Amino acid sequence: MKRPLKVKCKEAGVYDGRPSGRSPANRREIKMEHEKAITAIMLIALVIMTVVLFLHWGERRAMRQDISQMDAEFVTKELHRRAAEDCVVTPVPGGYRCVEMRTGKVFMVKR
């Protein structure tokens, strides 16, 4: 049985006597298409990450609630008087709610 003649022709895209269908021009086009697709995917990922970070930043900013210095001193004195340890203080209508981190006890400070 004869082996086919091994010929490599760039213009025809032939190797081992069988056409491959991919000439160098086609390879460049395919490579450019892949680069465009990867660039598009990266751009979409960048936009999504930017939107997520912006929303997270806005949410964190909205969660922060400032209280006046006078209120902070009043709440601190009141919690110290009640022997409350480390607390998470949350403003509620009519005052402040303090939840001890270790025990979970709830202290209400009325204003």
PDB file of N, CA and C in Angstrom:
ATOM      1  N   MET A   1       0.847  -1.174   0.000  1.00  0.00           N
ATOM      2  CA  MET A   1       0.000   0.000   0.000  1.00  0.00           C
ATOM      3  C   MET A   1       0.890   1.233   0.000  1.00  0.00           C
ATOM      4  N   LYS A   2       0.585   2.137  -0.874  1.00  0.00           N
ATOM      5  CA  LYS A   2       1.371   3.350  -0.999  1.00  0.00           C
ATOM      6  C   LYS A   2       0.949   4.376   0.046  1.00  0.00           C
ATOM      7  N   ARG A   3       1.925   5.049   0.596  1.00  0.00           N
ATOM      8  CA  ARG A   3       1.641   6.150   1.518  1.00  0.00           C
ATOM      9  C   ARG A   3       1.456   7.421   0.696  1.00  0.00           C
ATOM     10  N   PRO A   4       0.538   8.276   1.107  1.00  0.00           N
ATOM     11  CA  PRO A   4       0.363   9.508   0.339  1.00  0.00           C
ATOM     12  C   PRO A   4       1.608  10.386   0.457  1.00  0.00           C
ATOM     13  N   LEU A   5       1.834  11.153  -0.559  1.00  0.00           N
ATOM     14  CA  LEU A   5       2.968  12.061  -0.592  1.00  0.00           C
ATOM     15  C   LEU A   5       2.727  13.190   0.404  1.00  0.00           C
ATOM     16  N   LYS A   6       3.689  13.400   1.300  1.00  0.00           N
ATOM     17  CA  LYS A   6       3.528  14.455   2.307  1.00  0.00           C
ATOM     18  C   LYS A   6       3.954  15.780   1.703  1.00  0.00           C
ATOM     19  N   VAL A   7       2.961  16.612   1.489  1.00  0.00           N
ATOM     20  CA  VAL A   7       3.201  17.922   0.901  1.00  0.00           C
ATOM     21  C   VAL A   7       2.535  18.961   1.797  1.00  0.00           C
ATOM     22  N   LYS A   8       3.267  19.987   2.072  1.00  0.00           N
ATOM     23  CA  LYS A   8       2.688  21.060   2.870  1.00  0.00           C
ATOM     24  C   LYS A   8       2.652  22.303   2.005  1.00  0.00           C
ATOM     25  N   CYS A   9       1.478  22.746   1.709  1.00  0.00           N
ATOM     26  CA  CYS A   9       1.301  23.902   0.846  1.00  0.00           C
ATOM     27  C   CYS A   9       0.473  24.932   1.599  1.00  0.00           C
ATOM     28  N   LYS A  10       1.065  26.063   1.910  1.00  0.00           N
ATOM     29  CA  LYS A  10       0.373  27.081   2.701  1.00  0.00           C
ATOM     30  C   LYS A  10      -0.831  27.656   1.958  1.00  0.00           C
ATOM     31  N   GLU A  11      -0.689  27.850   0.665  1.00  0.00           N
ATOM     32  CA  GLU A  11      -1.772  28.480  -0.085  1.00  0.00           C
ATOM     33  C   GLU A  11      -3.002  27.581  -0.158  1.00  0.00           C
ATOM     34  N   ALA A  12      -2.802  26.290  -0.385  1.00  0.00           N
ATOM     35  CA  ALA A  12      -3.931  25.378  -0.553  1.00  0.00           C
ATOM     36  C   ALA A  12      -4.379  24.776   0.765  1.00  0.00           C
ATOM     37  N   GLY A  13      -3.559  24.857   1.811  1.00  0.00           N
ATOM     38  CA  GLY A  13      -3.927  24.269   3.083  1.00  0.00           C
ATOM     39  C   GLY A  13      -3.941  22.762   3.011  1.00  0.00           C
ATOM     40  N   VAL A  14      -3.016  22.174   2.270  1.00  0.00           N
ATOM     41  CA  VAL A  14      -3.006  20.729   2.067  1.00  0.00           C
ATOM     42  C   VAL A  14      -1.865  20.120   2.858  1.00  0.00           C
ATOM     43  N   TYR A  15      -2.141  19.019   3.540  1.00  0.00           N
ATOM     44  CA  TYR A  15      -1.115  18.265   4.252  1.00  0.00           C
ATOM     45  C   TYR A  15      -1.457  16.796   4.106  1.00  0.00           C
ATOM     46  N   ASP A  16      -0.514  15.972   3.764  1.00  0.00           N
ATOM     47  CA  ASP A  16      -0.729  14.537   3.529  1.00  0.00           C
ATOM     48  C   ASP A  16      -1.757  14.287   2.436  1.00  0.00           C
ATOM     49  N   GLY A  17      -1.900  15.187   1.535  1.00  0.00           N
ATOM     50  CA  GLY A  17      -2.811  14.969   0.428  1.00  0.00           C
ATOM     51  C   GLY A  17      -4.265  15.236   0.764  1.00  0.00           C
ATOM     52  N   ARG A  18      -4.572  15.594   2.008  1.00  0.00           N
ATOM     53  CA  ARG A  18      -5.957  15.872   2.399  1.00  0.00           C
ATOM     54  C   ARG A  18      -6.123  17.357   2.674  1.00  0.00           C
ATOM     55  N   PRO A  19      -7.157  17.987   2.136  1.00  0.00           N
ATOM     56  CA  PRO A  19      -7.349  19.412   2.407  1.00  0.00           C
ATOM     57  C   PRO A  19      -7.810  19.624   3.855  1.00  0.00           C
ATOM     58  N   SER A  20      -7.235  20.600   4.501  1.00  0.00           N
ATOM     59  CA  SER A  20      -7.612  20.866   5.889  1.00  0.00           C
ATOM     60  C   SER A  20      -8.684  21.945   5.984  1.00  0.00           C
ATOM     61  N   GLY A  21      -8.821  22.755   4.963  1.00  0.00           N
ATOM     62  CA  GLY A  21      -9.825  23.799   4.987  1.00  0.00           C
ATOM     63  C   GLY A  21      -9.398  25.030   5.764  1.00  0.00           C
ATOM     64  N   ARG A  22      -8.179  25.035   6.269  1.00  0.00           N
ATOM     65  CA  ARG A  22      -7.721  26.185   7.047  1.00  0.00           C
ATOM     66  C   ARG A  22      -6.438  26.740   6.435  1.00  0.00           C
ATOM     67  N   SER A  23      -6.611  27.754   5.680  1.00  0.00           N
ATOM     68  CA  SER A  23      -5.441  28.420   5.131  1.00  0.00           C
ATOM     69  C   SER A  23      -4.938  29.416   6.170  1.00  0.00           C
ATOM     70  N   PRO A  24      -3.747  29.947   5.986  1.00  0.00           N
ATOM     71  CA  PRO A  24      -3.241  30.925   6.956  1.00  0.00           C
ATOM     72  C   PRO A  24      -4.179  32.124   7.125  1.00  0.00           C
ATOM     73  N   ALA A  25      -4.838  32.536   6.062  1.00  0.00           N
ATOM     74  CA  ALA A  25      -5.777  33.665   6.169  1.00  0.00           C
ATOM     75  C   ALA A  25      -6.944  33.278   7.059  1.00  0.00           C
ATOM     76  N   ASN A  26      -7.446  32.039   6.890  1.00  0.00           N
ATOM     77  CA  ASN A  26      -8.548  31.575   7.737  1.00  0.00           C
ATOM     78  C   ASN A  26      -8.118  31.479   9.188  1.00  0.00           C
ATOM     79  N   ARG A  27      -6.892  31.038   9.425  1.00  0.00           N
ATOM     80  CA  ARG A  27      -6.396  30.940  10.802  1.00  0.00           C
ATOM     81  C   ARG A  27      -6.351  32.304  11.460  1.00  0.00           C
ATOM     82  N   ARG A  28      -5.892  33.312  10.707  1.00  0.00           N
ATOM     83  CA  ARG A  28      -5.859  34.678  11.261  1.00  0.00           C
ATOM     84  C   ARG A  28      -7.257  35.160  11.598  1.00  0.00           C
ATOM     85  N   GLU A  29      -8.204  34.891  10.704  1.00  0.00           N
ATOM     86  CA  GLU A  29      -9.582  35.312  10.947  1.00  0.00           C
ATOM     87  C   GLU A  29     -10.146  34.615  12.186  1.00  0.00           C
ATOM     88  N   ILE A  30      -9.888  33.332  12.304  1.00  0.00           N
ATOM     89  CA  ILE A  30     -10.369  32.576  13.461  1.00  0.00           C
ATOM     90  C   ILE A  30      -9.738  33.109  14.737  1.00  0.00           C
ATOM     91  N   LYS A  31      -8.441  33.400  14.685  1.00  0.00           N
ATOM     92  CA  LYS A  31      -7.748  33.940  15.855  1.00  0.00           C
ATOM     93  C   LYS A  31      -8.329  35.292  16.246  1.00  0.00           C
ATOM     94  N   MET A  32      -8.618  36.139  15.248  1.00  0.00           N
ATOM     95  CA  MET A  32      -9.206  37.451  15.540  1.00  0.00           C
ATOM     96  C   MET A  32     -10.598  37.300  16.143  1.00  0.00           C
ATOM     97  N   GLU A  33     -11.371  36.334  15.651  1.00  0.00           N
ATOM     98  CA  GLU A  33     -12.703  36.097  16.205  1.00  0.00           C
ATOM     99  C   GLU A  33     -12.605  35.657  17.666  1.00  0.00           C
ATOM    100  N   HIS A  34     -11.645  34.780  17.966  1.00  0.00           N
ATOM    101  CA  HIS A  34     -11.449  34.343  19.345  1.00  0.00           C
ATOM    102  C   HIS A  34     -11.032  35.510  20.224  1.00  0.00           C
ATOM    103  N   GLU A  35     -10.135  36.361  19.727  1.00  0.00           N
ATOM    104  CA  GLU A  35      -9.698  37.524  20.499  1.00  0.00           C
ATOM    105  C   GLU A  35     -10.862  38.481  20.751  1.00  0.00           C
ATOM    106  N   LYS A  36     -11.717  38.667  19.745  1.00  0.00           N
ATOM    107  CA  LYS A  36     -12.892  39.532  19.921  1.00  0.00           C
ATOM    108  C   LYS A  36     -13.838  38.945  20.960  1.00  0.00           C
ATOM    109  N   ALA A  37     -14.032  37.641  20.914  1.00  0.00           N
ATOM    110  CA  ALA A  37     -14.932  36.994  21.874  1.00  0.00           C
ATOM    111  C   ALA A  37     -14.376  37.111  23.293  1.00  0.00           C
ATOM    112  N   ILE A  38     -13.087  36.885  23.446  1.00  0.00           N
ATOM    113  CA  ILE A  38     -12.469  36.986  24.777  1.00  0.00           C
ATOM    114  C   ILE A  38     -12.539  38.421  25.277  1.00  0.00           C
ATOM    115  N   THR A  39     -12.291  39.391  24.397  1.00  0.00           N
ATOM    116  CA  THR A  39     -12.377  40.799  24.784  1.00  0.00           C
ATOM    117  C   THR A  39     -13.795  41.153  25.214  1.00  0.00           C
ATOM    118  N   ALA A  40     -14.785  40.660  24.486  1.00  0.00           N
ATOM    119  CA  ALA A  40     -16.183  40.939  24.830  1.00  0.00           C
ATOM    120  C   ALA A  40     -16.537  40.332  26.185  1.00  0.00           C
ATOM    121  N   ILE A  41     -16.099  39.110  26.435  1.00  0.00           N
ATOM    122  CA  ILE A  41     -16.376  38.451  27.713  1.00  0.00           C
ATOM    123  C   ILE A  41     -15.720  39.225  28.860  1.00  0.00           C
ATOM    124  N   MET A  42     -14.480  39.651  28.647  1.00  0.00           N
ATOM    125  CA  MET A  42     -13.782  40.404  29.692  1.00  0.00           C
ATOM    126  C   MET A  42     -14.460  41.745  29.947  1.00  0.00           C
ATOM    127  N   LEU A  43     -14.928  42.398  28.902  1.00  0.00           N
ATOM    128  CA  LEU A  43     -15.622  43.678  29.055  1.00  0.00           C
ATOM    129  C   LEU A  43     -16.930  43.498  29.821  1.00  0.00           C
ATOM    130  N   ILE A  44     -17.677  42.463  29.495  1.00  0.00           N
ATOM    131  CA  ILE A  44     -18.939  42.188  30.203  1.00  0.00           C
ATOM    132  C   ILE A  44     -18.659  41.889  31.673  1.00  0.00           C
ATOM    133  N   ALA A  45     -17.613  41.091  31.953  1.00  0.00           N
ATOM    134  CA  ALA A  45     -17.261  40.777  33.336  1.00  0.00           C
ATOM    135  C   ALA A  45     -16.862  42.046  34.091  1.00  0.00           C
ATOM    136  N   LEU A  46     -16.127  42.927  33.444  1.00  0.00           N
ATOM    137  CA  LEU A  46     -15.726  44.186  34.078  1.00  0.00           C
ATOM    138  C   LEU A  46     -16.935  45.053  34.404  1.00  0.00           C
ATOM    139  N   VAL A  47     -17.874  45.133  33.489  1.00  0.00           N
ATOM    140  CA  VAL A  47     -19.091  45.922  33.726  1.00  0.00           C
ATOM    141  C   VAL A  47     -19.885  45.332  34.888  1.00  0.00           C
ATOM    142  N   ILE A  48     -20.036  44.015  34.916  1.00  0.00           N
ATOM    143  CA  ILE A  48     -20.784  43.366  36.000  1.00  0.00           C
ATOM    144  C   ILE A  48     -20.107  43.613  37.343  1.00  0.00           C
ATOM    145  N   MET A  49     -18.782  43.467  37.384  1.00  0.00           N
ATOM    146  CA  MET A  49     -18.063  43.697  38.643  1.00  0.00           C
ATOM    147  C   MET A  49     -18.197  45.141  39.092  1.00  0.00           C
ATOM    148  N   THR A  50     -18.152  46.088  38.169  1.00  0.00           N
ATOM    149  CA  THR A  50     -18.305  47.499  38.512  1.00  0.00           C
ATOM    150  C   THR A  50     -19.685  47.761  39.097  1.00  0.00           C
ATOM    151  N   VAL A  51     -20.711  47.208  38.490  1.00  0.00           N
ATOM    152  CA  VAL A  51     -22.080  47.398  38.988  1.00  0.00           C
ATOM    153  C   VAL A  51     -22.237  46.789  40.378  1.00  0.00           C
ATOM    154  N   VAL A  52     -21.724  45.586  40.580  1.00  0.00           N
ATOM    155  CA  VAL A  52     -21.835  44.919  41.880  1.00  0.00           C
ATOM    156  C   VAL A  52     -21.106  45.721  42.960  1.00  0.00           C
ATOM    157  N   LEU A  53     -19.901  46.179  42.663  1.00  0.00           N
ATOM    158  CA  LEU A  53     -19.157  46.976  43.647  1.00  0.00           C
ATOM    159  C   LEU A  53     -19.857  48.293  43.950  1.00  0.00           C
ATOM    160  N   PHE A  54     -20.423  48.937  42.935  1.00  0.00           N
ATOM    161  CA  PHE A  54     -21.147  50.185  43.148  1.00  0.00           C
ATOM    162  C   PHE A  54     -22.367  49.961  44.039  1.00  0.00           C
ATOM    163  N   LEU A  55     -23.123  48.886  43.773  1.00  0.00           N
ATOM    164  CA  LEU A  55     -24.298  48.591  44.597  1.00  0.00           C
ATOM    165  C   LEU A  55     -23.895  48.246  46.031  1.00  0.00           C
ATOM    166  N   HIS A  56     -22.827  47.483  46.179  1.00  0.00           N
ATOM    167  CA  HIS A  56     -22.355  47.121  47.519  1.00  0.00           C
ATOM    168  C   HIS A  56     -21.900  48.368  48.285  1.00  0.00           C
ATOM    169  N   TRP A  57     -21.188  49.265  47.609  1.00  0.00           N
ATOM    170  CA  TRP A  57     -20.725  50.497  48.241  1.00  0.00           C
ATOM    171  C   TRP A  57     -21.908  51.352  48.672  1.00  0.00           C
ATOM    172  N   GLY A  58     -22.909  51.459  47.817  1.00  0.00           N
ATOM    173  CA  GLY A  58     -24.094  52.244  48.158  1.00  0.00           C
ATOM    174  C   GLY A  58     -24.866  51.632  49.321  1.00  0.00           C
ATOM    175  N   GLU A  59     -24.931  50.305  49.355  1.00  0.00           N
ATOM    176  CA  GLU A  59     -25.636  49.621  50.444  1.00  0.00           C
ATOM    177  C   GLU A  59     -24.911  49.815  51.768  1.00  0.00           C
ATOM    178  N   ARG A  60     -23.592  49.695  51.749  1.00  0.00           N
ATOM    179  CA  ARG A  60     -22.814  49.878  52.976  1.00  0.00           C
ATOM    180  C   ARG A  60     -22.953  51.312  53.485  1.00  0.00           C
ATOM    181  N   ARG A  61     -22.995  52.243  52.565  1.00  0.00           N
ATOM    182  CA  ARG A  61     -23.118  53.651  52.960  1.00  0.00           C
ATOM    183  C   ARG A  61     -24.490  53.915  53.578  1.00  0.00           C
ATOM    184  N   ALA A  62     -25.529  53.269  53.048  1.00  0.00           N
ATOM    185  CA  ALA A  62     -26.880  53.458  53.572  1.00  0.00           C
ATOM    186  C   ALA A  62     -27.034  52.803  54.948  1.00  0.00           C
ATOM    187  N   MET A  63     -26.278  51.735  55.220  1.00  0.00           N
ATOM    188  CA  MET A  63     -26.394  51.035  56.494  1.00  0.00           C
ATOM    189  C   MET A  63     -25.801  51.850  57.644  1.00  0.00           C
ATOM    190  N   ARG A  64     -24.822  52.673  57.338  1.00  0.00           N
ATOM    191  CA  ARG A  64     -24.163  53.444  58.387  1.00  0.00           C
ATOM    192  C   ARG A  64     -25.105  54.539  58.867  1.00  0.00           C
ATOM    193  N   GLN A  65     -25.297  54.602  60.176  1.00  0.00           N
ATOM    194  CA  GLN A  65     -26.164  55.617  60.760  1.00  0.00           C
ATOM    195  C   GLN A  65     -25.371  56.347  61.828  1.00  0.00           C
ATOM    196  N   ASP A  66     -25.279  57.626  61.661  1.00  0.00           N
ATOM    197  CA  ASP A  66     -24.537  58.429  62.613  1.00  0.00           C
ATOM    198  C   ASP A  66     -25.476  58.909  63.711  1.00  0.00           C
ATOM    199  N   ILE A  67     -24.955  58.935  64.929  1.00  0.00           N
ATOM    200  CA  ILE A  67     -25.711  59.494  66.045  1.00  0.00           C
ATOM    201  C   ILE A  67     -24.908  60.660  66.594  1.00  0.00           C
ATOM    202  N   SER A  68     -25.593  61.550  67.245  1.00  0.00           N
ATOM    203  CA  SER A  68     -24.911  62.735  67.759  1.00  0.00           C
ATOM    204  C   SER A  68     -24.002  62.354  68.927  1.00  0.00           C
ATOM    205  N   GLN A  69     -23.068  63.220  69.223  1.00  0.00           N
ATOM    206  CA  GLN A  69     -22.135  62.979  70.323  1.00  0.00           C
ATOM    207  C   GLN A  69     -22.888  62.896  71.644  1.00  0.00           C
ATOM    208  N   MET A  70     -23.896  63.738  71.817  1.00  0.00           N
ATOM    209  CA  MET A  70     -24.680  63.750  73.053  1.00  0.00           C
ATOM    210  C   MET A  70     -25.416  62.412  73.228  1.00  0.00           C
ATOM    211  N   ASP A  71     -26.029  61.925  72.150  1.00  0.00           N
ATOM    212  CA  ASP A  71     -26.720  60.629  72.218  1.00  0.00           C
ATOM    213  C   ASP A  71     -25.742  59.497  72.501  1.00  0.00           C
ATOM    214  N   ALA A  72     -24.570  59.522  71.875  1.00  0.00           N
ATOM    215  CA  ALA A  72     -23.573  58.479  72.086  1.00  0.00           C
ATOM    216  C   ALA A  72     -23.136  58.448  73.552  1.00  0.00           C
ATOM    217  N   GLU A  73     -22.903  59.613  74.139  1.00  0.00           N
ATOM    218  CA  GLU A  73     -22.504  59.672  75.558  1.00  0.00           C
ATOM    219  C   GLU A  73     -23.624  59.158  76.450  1.00  0.00           C
ATOM    220  N   PHE A  74     -24.863  59.551  76.149  1.00  0.00           N
ATOM    221  CA  PHE A  74     -26.010  59.121  76.955  1.00  0.00           C
ATOM    222  C   PHE A  74     -26.155  57.592  76.900  1.00  0.00           C
ATOM    223  N   VAL A  75     -26.079  57.012  75.706  1.00  0.00           N
ATOM    224  CA  VAL A  75     -26.232  55.562  75.548  1.00  0.00           C
ATOM    225  C   VAL A  75     -25.084  54.836  76.249  1.00  0.00           C
ATOM    226  N   THR A  76     -23.873  55.352  76.112  1.00  0.00           N
ATOM    227  CA  THR A  76     -22.719  54.728  76.756  1.00  0.00           C
ATOM    228  C   THR A  76     -22.864  54.732  78.268  1.00  0.00           C
ATOM    229  N   LYS A  77     -23.269  55.869  78.847  1.00  0.00           N
ATOM    230  CA  LYS A  77     -23.451  55.956  80.303  1.00  0.00           C
ATOM    231  C   LYS A  77     -24.554  55.015  80.770  1.00  0.00           C
ATOM    232  N   GLU A  78     -25.641  54.980  80.020  1.00  0.00           N
ATOM    233  CA  GLU A  78     -26.778  54.131  80.394  1.00  0.00           C
ATOM    234  C   GLU A  78     -26.393  52.652  80.339  1.00  0.00           C
ATOM    235  N   LEU A  79     -25.668  52.245  79.317  1.00  0.00           N
ATOM    236  CA  LEU A  79     -25.253  50.843  79.212  1.00  0.00           C
ATOM    237  C   LEU A  79     -24.213  50.497  80.277  1.00  0.00           C
ATOM    238  N   HIS A  80     -23.347  51.438  80.602  1.00  0.00           N
ATOM    239  CA  HIS A  80     -22.363  51.209  81.663  1.00  0.00           C
ATOM    240  C   HIS A  80     -23.075  51.053  83.013  1.00  0.00           C
ATOM    241  N   ARG A  81     -24.095  51.868  83.233  1.00  0.00           N
ATOM    242  CA  ARG A  81     -24.881  51.794  84.471  1.00  0.00           C
ATOM    243  C   ARG A  81     -25.570  50.437  84.587  1.00  0.00           C
ATOM    244  N   ARG A  82     -25.999  49.863  83.466  1.00  0.00           N
ATOM    245  CA  ARG A  82     -26.687  48.571  83.472  1.00  0.00           C
ATOM    246  C   ARG A  82     -25.696  47.399  83.389  1.00  0.00           C
ATOM    247  N   ALA A  83     -24.416  47.670  83.386  1.00  0.00           N
ATOM    248  CA  ALA A  83     -23.358  46.657  83.342  1.00  0.00           C
ATOM    249  C   ALA A  83     -23.425  45.820  82.063  1.00  0.00           C
ATOM    250  N   ALA A  84     -23.697  46.483  80.972  1.00  0.00           N
ATOM    251  CA  ALA A  84     -23.712  45.798  79.677  1.00  0.00           C
ATOM    252  C   ALA A  84     -22.290  45.716  79.146  1.00  0.00           C
ATOM    253  N   GLU A  85     -21.956  44.565  78.583  1.00  0.00           N
ATOM    254  CA  GLU A  85     -20.619  44.395  78.003  1.00  0.00           C
ATOM    255  C   GLU A  85     -20.626  44.889  76.556  1.00  0.00           C
ATOM    256  N   ASP A  86     -19.800  44.309  75.715  1.00  0.00           N
ATOM    257  CA  ASP A  86     -19.740  44.725  74.307  1.00  0.00           C
ATOM    258  C   ASP A  86     -21.096  44.535  73.649  1.00  0.00           C
ATOM    259  N   CYS A  87     -21.584  45.602  73.030  1.00  0.00           N
ATOM    260  CA  CYS A  87     -22.922  45.578  72.436  1.00  0.00           C
ATOM    261  C   CYS A  87     -22.898  46.067  71.003  1.00  0.00           C
ATOM    262  N   VAL A  88     -23.931  45.659  70.288  1.00  0.00           N
ATOM    263  CA  VAL A  88     -24.226  46.218  68.979  1.00  0.00           C
ATOM    264  C   VAL A  88     -25.430  47.123  69.177  1.00  0.00           C
ATOM    265  N   VAL A  89     -25.225  48.412  68.957  1.00  0.00           N
ATOM    266  CA  VAL A  89     -26.283  49.408  69.200  1.00  0.00           C
ATOM    267  C   VAL A  89     -26.969  49.711  67.880  1.00  0.00           C
ATOM    268  N   THR A  90     -28.319  49.628  67.919  1.00  0.00           N
ATOM    269  CA  THR A  90     -29.132  49.892  66.744  1.00  0.00           C
ATOM    270  C   THR A  90     -30.192  50.919  67.101  1.00  0.00           C
ATOM    271  N   PRO A  91     -30.314  52.004  66.326  1.00  0.00           N
ATOM    272  CA  PRO A  91     -31.387  52.966  66.606  1.00  0.00           C
ATOM    273  C   PRO A  91     -32.755  52.363  66.282  1.00  0.00           C
ATOM    274  N   VAL A  92     -33.696  52.545  67.180  1.00  0.00           N
ATOM    275  CA  VAL A  92     -35.083  52.126  66.983  1.00  0.00           C
ATOM    276  C   VAL A  92     -35.964  53.315  67.319  1.00  0.00           C
ATOM    277  N   PRO A  93     -37.212  53.303  66.872  1.00  0.00           N
ATOM    278  CA  PRO A  93     -38.088  54.426  67.215  1.00  0.00           C
ATOM    279  C   PRO A  93     -38.211  54.579  68.733  1.00  0.00           C
ATOM    280  N   GLY A  94     -37.886  55.748  69.232  1.00  0.00           N
ATOM    281  CA  GLY A  94     -38.011  56.039  70.657  1.00  0.00           C
ATOM    282  C   GLY A  94     -36.749  55.781  71.457  1.00  0.00           C
ATOM    283  N   GLY A  95     -35.653  55.360  70.822  1.00  0.00           N
ATOM    284  CA  GLY A  95     -34.443  55.113  71.586  1.00  0.00           C
ATOM    285  C   GLY A  95     -33.444  54.255  70.829  1.00  0.00           C
ATOM    286  N   TYR A  96     -32.742  53.406  71.611  1.00  0.00           N
ATOM    287  CA  TYR A  96     -31.708  52.551  71.030  1.00  0.00           C
ATOM    288  C   TYR A  96     -31.836  51.141  71.579  1.00  0.00           C
ATOM    289  N   ARG A  97     -31.479  50.179  70.769  1.00  0.00           N
ATOM    290  CA  ARG A  97     -31.515  48.776  71.157  1.00  0.00           C
ATOM    291  C   ARG A  97     -30.080  48.272  71.168  1.00  0.00           C
ATOM    292  N   CYS A  98     -29.682  47.654  72.285  1.00  0.00           N
ATOM    293  CA  CYS A  98     -28.326  47.140  72.419  1.00  0.00           C
ATOM    294  C   CYS A  98     -28.397  45.641  72.650  1.00  0.00           C
ATOM    295  N   VAL A  99     -27.685  44.876  71.837  1.00  0.00           N
ATOM    296  CA  VAL A  99     -27.632  43.421  71.979  1.00  0.00           C
ATOM    297  C   VAL A  99     -26.201  43.047  72.350  1.00  0.00           C
ATOM    298  N   GLU A 100     -26.058  42.392  73.510  1.00  0.00           N
ATOM    299  CA  GLU A 100     -24.726  41.955  73.930  1.00  0.00           C
ATOM    300  C   GLU A 100     -24.225  40.889  72.973  1.00  0.00           C
ATOM    301  N   MET A 101     -22.968  41.023  72.612  1.00  0.00           N
ATOM    302  CA  MET A 101     -22.400  40.094  71.633  1.00  0.00           C
ATOM    303  C   MET A 101     -22.190  38.708  72.229  1.00  0.00           C
ATOM    304  N   ARG A 102     -21.771  38.621  73.471  1.00  0.00           N
ATOM    305  CA  ARG A 102     -21.438  37.326  74.066  1.00  0.00           C
ATOM    306  C   ARG A 102     -22.686  36.572  74.503  1.00  0.00           C
ATOM    307  N   THR A 103     -23.608  37.235  75.206  1.00  0.00           N
ATOM    308  CA  THR A 103     -24.759  36.547  75.795  1.00  0.00           C
ATOM    309  C   THR A 103     -26.035  36.681  74.980  1.00  0.00           C
ATOM    310  N   GLY A 104     -26.136  37.708  74.165  1.00  0.00           N
ATOM    311  CA  GLY A 104     -27.352  37.919  73.396  1.00  0.00           C
ATOM    312  C   GLY A 104     -28.421  38.686  74.155  1.00  0.00           C
ATOM    313  N   LYS A 105     -28.092  39.184  75.366  1.00  0.00           N
ATOM    314  CA  LYS A 105     -29.056  39.977  76.136  1.00  0.00           C
ATOM    315  C   LYS A 105     -29.388  41.259  75.385  1.00  0.00           C
ATOM    316  N   VAL A 106     -30.626  41.683  75.508  1.00  0.00           N
ATOM    317  CA  VAL A 106     -31.091  42.901  74.830  1.00  0.00           C
ATOM    318  C   VAL A 106     -31.362  43.977  75.866  1.00  0.00           C
ATOM    319  N   PHE A 107     -30.782  45.140  75.627  1.00  0.00           N
ATOM    320  CA  PHE A 107     -31.007  46.310  76.466  1.00  0.00           C
ATOM    321  C   PHE A 107     -31.667  47.381  75.605  1.00  0.00           C
ATOM    322  N   MET A 108     -32.747  47.969  76.137  1.00  0.00           N
ATOM    323  CA  MET A 108     -33.404  49.066  75.443  1.00  0.00           C
ATOM    324  C   MET A 108     -33.081  50.347  76.200  1.00  0.00           C
ATOM    325  N   VAL A 109     -32.601  51.336  75.478  1.00  0.00           N
ATOM    326  CA  VAL A 109     -32.314  52.639  76.073  1.00  0.00           C
ATOM    327  C   VAL A 109     -33.295  53.617  75.471  1.00  0.00           C
ATOM    328  N   LYS A 110     -34.191  54.137  76.323  1.00  0.00           N
ATOM    329  CA  LYS A 110     -35.216  55.085  75.860  1.00  0.00           C
ATOM    330  C   LYS A 110     -34.632  56.484  75.857  1.00  0.00           C
ATOM    331  N   ARG A 111     -34.976  57.247  74.883  1.00  0.00           N
ATOM    332  CA  ARG A 111     -34.498  58.630  74.807  1.00  0.00           C
ATOM    333  C   ARG A 111     -35.622  59.558  75.056  1.00  0.00           C
TER     334      ARG A 111
END
